[in-house]
N, C-alpha and C. Protein backbone atom coordinates (compact mmCIF):
# COMPACT_ATOMS: atom_id res chain seq x y z
N MET A 1 0.85 -1.18 0.00
CA MET A 1 0.00 0.00 0.00
C MET A 1 0.89 1.24 0.00
N SER A 2 0.52 2.24 -0.78
CA SER A 2 1.34 3.44 -0.87
C SER A 2 1.09 4.37 0.31
N ALA A 3 2.02 5.30 0.50
CA ALA A 3 1.88 6.27 1.60
C ALA A 3 0.62 7.12 1.41
N LYS A 4 0.33 7.44 0.15
CA LYS A 4 -0.86 8.26 -0.12
C LYS A 4 -2.13 7.52 0.28
N SER A 5 -2.23 6.25 -0.08
CA SER A 5 -3.43 5.49 0.28
C SER A 5 -3.48 5.21 1.78
N ASP A 6 -2.32 5.13 2.43
CA ASP A 6 -2.29 4.97 3.89
C ASP A 6 -2.88 6.18 4.59
N ARG A 7 -2.72 7.36 4.01
CA ARG A 7 -3.25 8.59 4.61
C ARG A 7 -4.71 8.82 4.26
N GLN A 8 -5.19 8.18 3.21
CA GLN A 8 -6.56 8.43 2.74
C GLN A 8 -7.61 7.99 3.76
N ALA A 9 -7.46 6.82 4.35
CA ALA A 9 -8.46 6.32 5.30
C ALA A 9 -8.56 7.22 6.53
N PRO A 10 -7.44 7.62 7.16
CA PRO A 10 -7.56 8.55 8.29
C PRO A 10 -8.20 9.88 7.89
N ARG A 11 -7.84 10.39 6.73
CA ARG A 11 -8.40 11.65 6.27
C ARG A 11 -9.91 11.53 6.09
N GLU A 12 -10.36 10.43 5.51
CA GLU A 12 -11.79 10.22 5.33
C GLU A 12 -12.51 10.08 6.67
N ALA A 13 -11.87 9.44 7.64
CA ALA A 13 -12.48 9.30 8.97
C ALA A 13 -12.65 10.67 9.62
N VAL A 14 -11.65 11.53 9.47
CA VAL A 14 -11.73 12.87 10.06
C VAL A 14 -12.79 13.69 9.35
N VAL A 15 -12.86 13.59 8.04
CA VAL A 15 -13.87 14.34 7.27
C VAL A 15 -15.28 13.90 7.70
N LYS A 16 -15.49 12.60 7.85
CA LYS A 16 -16.81 12.10 8.26
C LYS A 16 -17.15 12.59 9.67
N TYR A 17 -16.20 12.52 10.58
CA TYR A 17 -16.41 12.99 11.95
C TYR A 17 -16.75 14.48 11.94
N HIS A 18 -15.97 15.27 11.19
CA HIS A 18 -16.19 16.72 11.11
C HIS A 18 -17.59 17.02 10.59
N GLU A 19 -17.97 16.35 9.54
CA GLU A 19 -19.29 16.57 8.94
C GLU A 19 -20.41 16.21 9.92
N ASN A 20 -20.28 15.09 10.60
CA ASN A 20 -21.32 14.67 11.56
C ASN A 20 -21.43 15.65 12.72
N GLN A 21 -20.30 16.09 13.23
CA GLN A 21 -20.31 17.01 14.36
C GLN A 21 -20.84 18.39 13.95
N LEU A 22 -20.49 18.85 12.75
CA LEU A 22 -21.04 20.11 12.25
C LEU A 22 -22.55 20.03 12.11
N ALA A 23 -23.04 18.91 11.59
CA ALA A 23 -24.49 18.74 11.43
C ALA A 23 -25.19 18.82 12.78
N SER A 24 -24.58 18.24 13.79
CA SER A 24 -25.16 18.28 15.14
C SER A 24 -25.22 19.72 15.66
N LEU A 25 -24.14 20.47 15.44
CA LEU A 25 -24.12 21.87 15.86
C LEU A 25 -25.16 22.69 15.09
N GLN A 26 -25.28 22.43 13.81
CA GLN A 26 -26.21 23.18 12.98
C GLN A 26 -27.66 22.89 13.34
N GLU A 27 -27.93 21.68 13.84
CA GLU A 27 -29.28 21.36 14.30
C GLU A 27 -29.68 22.27 15.46
N ARG A 28 -28.75 22.60 16.32
CA ARG A 28 -29.04 23.51 17.44
C ARG A 28 -29.39 24.91 16.93
N VAL A 29 -28.67 25.34 15.89
CA VAL A 29 -28.97 26.65 15.31
C VAL A 29 -30.36 26.63 14.69
N GLY A 30 -30.67 25.56 13.95
CA GLY A 30 -31.99 25.44 13.34
C GLY A 30 -33.10 25.45 14.38
N ALA A 31 -32.88 24.74 15.47
CA ALA A 31 -33.89 24.71 16.54
C ALA A 31 -34.08 26.09 17.15
N ALA A 32 -32.98 26.82 17.32
CA ALA A 32 -33.08 28.17 17.89
C ALA A 32 -33.85 29.09 16.94
N LEU A 33 -33.61 28.97 15.65
CA LEU A 33 -34.33 29.80 14.68
C LEU A 33 -35.82 29.47 14.68
N GLU A 34 -36.14 28.19 14.80
CA GLU A 34 -37.56 27.80 14.88
C GLU A 34 -38.20 28.40 16.13
N ARG A 35 -37.49 28.35 17.24
CA ARG A 35 -38.03 28.91 18.49
C ARG A 35 -38.17 30.43 18.38
N PHE A 36 -37.28 31.08 17.65
CA PHE A 36 -37.39 32.52 17.42
C PHE A 36 -38.64 32.83 16.61
N ARG A 37 -38.86 32.06 15.55
CA ARG A 37 -40.02 32.28 14.69
C ARG A 37 -41.33 32.04 15.42
N SER A 38 -41.30 31.15 16.41
CA SER A 38 -42.53 30.87 17.16
C SER A 38 -42.69 31.81 18.36
N GLY A 39 -41.71 32.69 18.57
CA GLY A 39 -41.81 33.66 19.65
C GLY A 39 -41.24 33.20 20.98
N GLU A 40 -40.64 32.01 21.03
CA GLU A 40 -40.07 31.50 22.28
C GLU A 40 -38.75 32.17 22.64
N LEU A 41 -37.98 32.56 21.62
CA LEU A 41 -36.70 33.22 21.85
C LEU A 41 -36.73 34.61 21.22
N ASP A 42 -35.97 35.52 21.81
CA ASP A 42 -35.84 36.84 21.18
C ASP A 42 -34.55 36.88 20.36
N ALA A 43 -34.34 37.98 19.67
CA ALA A 43 -33.19 38.11 18.78
C ALA A 43 -31.87 37.98 19.52
N PHE A 44 -31.80 38.47 20.74
CA PHE A 44 -30.56 38.38 21.51
C PHE A 44 -30.24 36.94 21.91
N GLU A 45 -31.27 36.18 22.23
CA GLU A 45 -31.06 34.77 22.59
C GLU A 45 -30.59 33.97 21.37
N VAL A 46 -31.15 34.26 20.22
CA VAL A 46 -30.70 33.59 19.00
C VAL A 46 -29.26 34.00 18.68
N ASP A 47 -28.94 35.26 18.89
CA ASP A 47 -27.58 35.72 18.66
C ASP A 47 -26.59 34.98 19.56
N GLN A 48 -26.99 34.71 20.78
CA GLN A 48 -26.14 33.96 21.71
C GLN A 48 -25.90 32.54 21.18
N VAL A 49 -26.94 31.93 20.63
CA VAL A 49 -26.80 30.59 20.05
C VAL A 49 -25.86 30.63 18.85
N LEU A 50 -26.00 31.64 18.02
CA LEU A 50 -25.11 31.78 16.86
C LEU A 50 -23.66 31.99 17.28
N PHE A 51 -23.47 32.77 18.32
CA PHE A 51 -22.12 33.01 18.85
C PHE A 51 -21.51 31.71 19.36
N GLN A 52 -22.30 30.94 20.09
CA GLN A 52 -21.80 29.67 20.63
C GLN A 52 -21.52 28.70 19.48
N TYR A 53 -22.37 28.68 18.47
CA TYR A 53 -22.14 27.83 17.31
C TYR A 53 -20.80 28.18 16.65
N SER A 54 -20.57 29.47 16.47
CA SER A 54 -19.34 29.92 15.82
C SER A 54 -18.11 29.46 16.59
N ARG A 55 -18.14 29.63 17.89
CA ARG A 55 -17.00 29.21 18.71
C ARG A 55 -16.82 27.70 18.66
N ALA A 56 -17.92 26.96 18.74
CA ALA A 56 -17.85 25.49 18.73
C ALA A 56 -17.32 24.99 17.38
N ALA A 57 -17.81 25.56 16.30
CA ALA A 57 -17.37 25.14 14.97
C ALA A 57 -15.89 25.44 14.75
N LYS A 58 -15.41 26.54 15.30
CA LYS A 58 -13.98 26.86 15.19
C LYS A 58 -13.13 25.86 15.95
N GLU A 59 -13.58 25.48 17.14
CA GLU A 59 -12.84 24.49 17.92
C GLU A 59 -12.81 23.14 17.20
N LEU A 60 -13.92 22.74 16.65
CA LEU A 60 -14.00 21.51 15.88
C LEU A 60 -13.08 21.58 14.67
N TRP A 61 -13.09 22.71 13.98
CA TRP A 61 -12.24 22.89 12.81
C TRP A 61 -10.77 22.73 13.18
N LYS A 62 -10.39 23.29 14.31
CA LYS A 62 -8.98 23.19 14.74
C LYS A 62 -8.56 21.73 14.88
N LEU A 63 -9.40 20.92 15.50
CA LEU A 63 -9.05 19.52 15.67
C LEU A 63 -8.93 18.82 14.31
N CYS A 64 -9.89 19.07 13.45
CA CYS A 64 -9.97 18.32 12.19
C CYS A 64 -9.02 18.81 11.11
N ASN A 65 -8.48 20.00 11.24
CA ASN A 65 -7.67 20.56 10.17
C ASN A 65 -6.27 20.96 10.58
N PHE A 66 -5.90 20.70 11.79
CA PHE A 66 -4.59 21.11 12.25
C PHE A 66 -3.66 19.90 12.25
N GLY A 67 -2.64 19.97 11.43
CA GLY A 67 -1.60 18.95 11.49
C GLY A 67 -1.92 17.66 10.77
N ASP A 68 -1.43 16.61 11.34
CA ASP A 68 -1.41 15.28 10.75
C ASP A 68 -2.78 14.61 10.79
N PRO A 69 -3.32 14.19 9.63
CA PRO A 69 -4.63 13.53 9.61
C PRO A 69 -4.66 12.22 10.41
N GLU A 70 -3.53 11.51 10.43
CA GLU A 70 -3.48 10.26 11.19
C GLU A 70 -3.65 10.54 12.68
N PHE A 71 -3.02 11.60 13.16
CA PHE A 71 -3.13 11.98 14.57
C PHE A 71 -4.58 12.36 14.90
N ALA A 72 -5.19 13.18 14.05
CA ALA A 72 -6.59 13.59 14.28
C ALA A 72 -7.52 12.38 14.23
N ALA A 73 -7.29 11.46 13.30
CA ALA A 73 -8.13 10.26 13.21
C ALA A 73 -8.01 9.42 14.48
N ASP A 74 -6.79 9.29 14.99
CA ASP A 74 -6.60 8.56 16.25
C ASP A 74 -7.36 9.23 17.39
N LEU A 75 -7.32 10.55 17.43
CA LEU A 75 -8.03 11.27 18.49
C LEU A 75 -9.53 11.03 18.44
N VAL A 76 -10.12 11.12 17.26
CA VAL A 76 -11.58 10.98 17.18
C VAL A 76 -12.02 9.53 17.40
N ARG A 77 -11.10 8.58 17.16
CA ARG A 77 -11.45 7.17 17.38
C ARG A 77 -11.25 6.75 18.84
N GLU A 78 -10.20 7.24 19.48
CA GLU A 78 -9.79 6.72 20.78
C GLU A 78 -10.29 7.52 21.98
N ARG A 79 -10.55 8.78 21.79
CA ARG A 79 -10.97 9.60 22.92
C ARG A 79 -12.49 9.64 23.01
N PRO A 80 -13.00 9.92 24.21
CA PRO A 80 -14.45 10.08 24.31
C PRO A 80 -14.92 11.23 23.43
N ILE A 81 -16.13 11.14 23.00
CA ILE A 81 -16.71 12.18 22.13
C ILE A 81 -16.68 13.51 22.86
N VAL A 82 -16.20 14.51 22.18
CA VAL A 82 -16.14 15.86 22.73
C VAL A 82 -17.50 16.51 22.57
N ASP A 83 -17.96 17.21 23.58
CA ASP A 83 -19.19 17.98 23.47
C ASP A 83 -18.80 19.34 22.89
N TRP A 84 -18.85 19.43 21.57
CA TRP A 84 -18.39 20.65 20.90
C TRP A 84 -19.26 21.85 21.27
N TRP A 85 -20.55 21.61 21.54
CA TRP A 85 -21.43 22.70 21.92
C TRP A 85 -20.94 23.32 23.23
N GLU A 86 -20.63 22.48 24.19
CA GLU A 86 -20.10 22.98 25.46
C GLU A 86 -18.74 23.64 25.28
N ARG A 87 -17.94 23.08 24.40
CA ARG A 87 -16.62 23.67 24.14
C ARG A 87 -16.75 25.09 23.59
N GLY A 88 -17.85 25.38 22.91
CA GLY A 88 -18.08 26.70 22.35
C GLY A 88 -18.78 27.67 23.29
N ALA A 89 -19.15 27.18 24.47
CA ALA A 89 -19.87 28.05 25.41
C ALA A 89 -18.98 29.19 25.87
N PRO A 90 -19.56 30.38 26.00
CA PRO A 90 -18.77 31.52 26.50
C PRO A 90 -18.24 31.21 27.89
N ARG A 91 -17.05 31.66 28.14
CA ARG A 91 -16.44 31.44 29.46
C ARG A 91 -17.12 32.32 30.50
N GLN A 92 -17.33 31.72 31.66
CA GLN A 92 -17.95 32.48 32.76
C GLN A 92 -16.88 33.30 33.46
N ARG A 93 -17.21 34.51 33.78
CA ARG A 93 -16.25 35.40 34.46
C ARG A 93 -16.44 35.34 35.94
């Protein structure tokens, strides 16, 4: 097996993980928009959700796009699932 094909499987695993985790984060945004449209949330509350989404997606991107794909693939396979939504939560002062 060539070095290129050896890297392909880890890269695909990371891409699949990234896509699944992004979809999960985006579902939260969709739910917040639905709640806004129904009057349950105001514009500021939706903005807070969007802010948290942005932070969470950036943290996820860092894991999936920084450095060696084999290393990232090992992380997503061997470590417990990261709660990216919580990782994006604003820090309490």
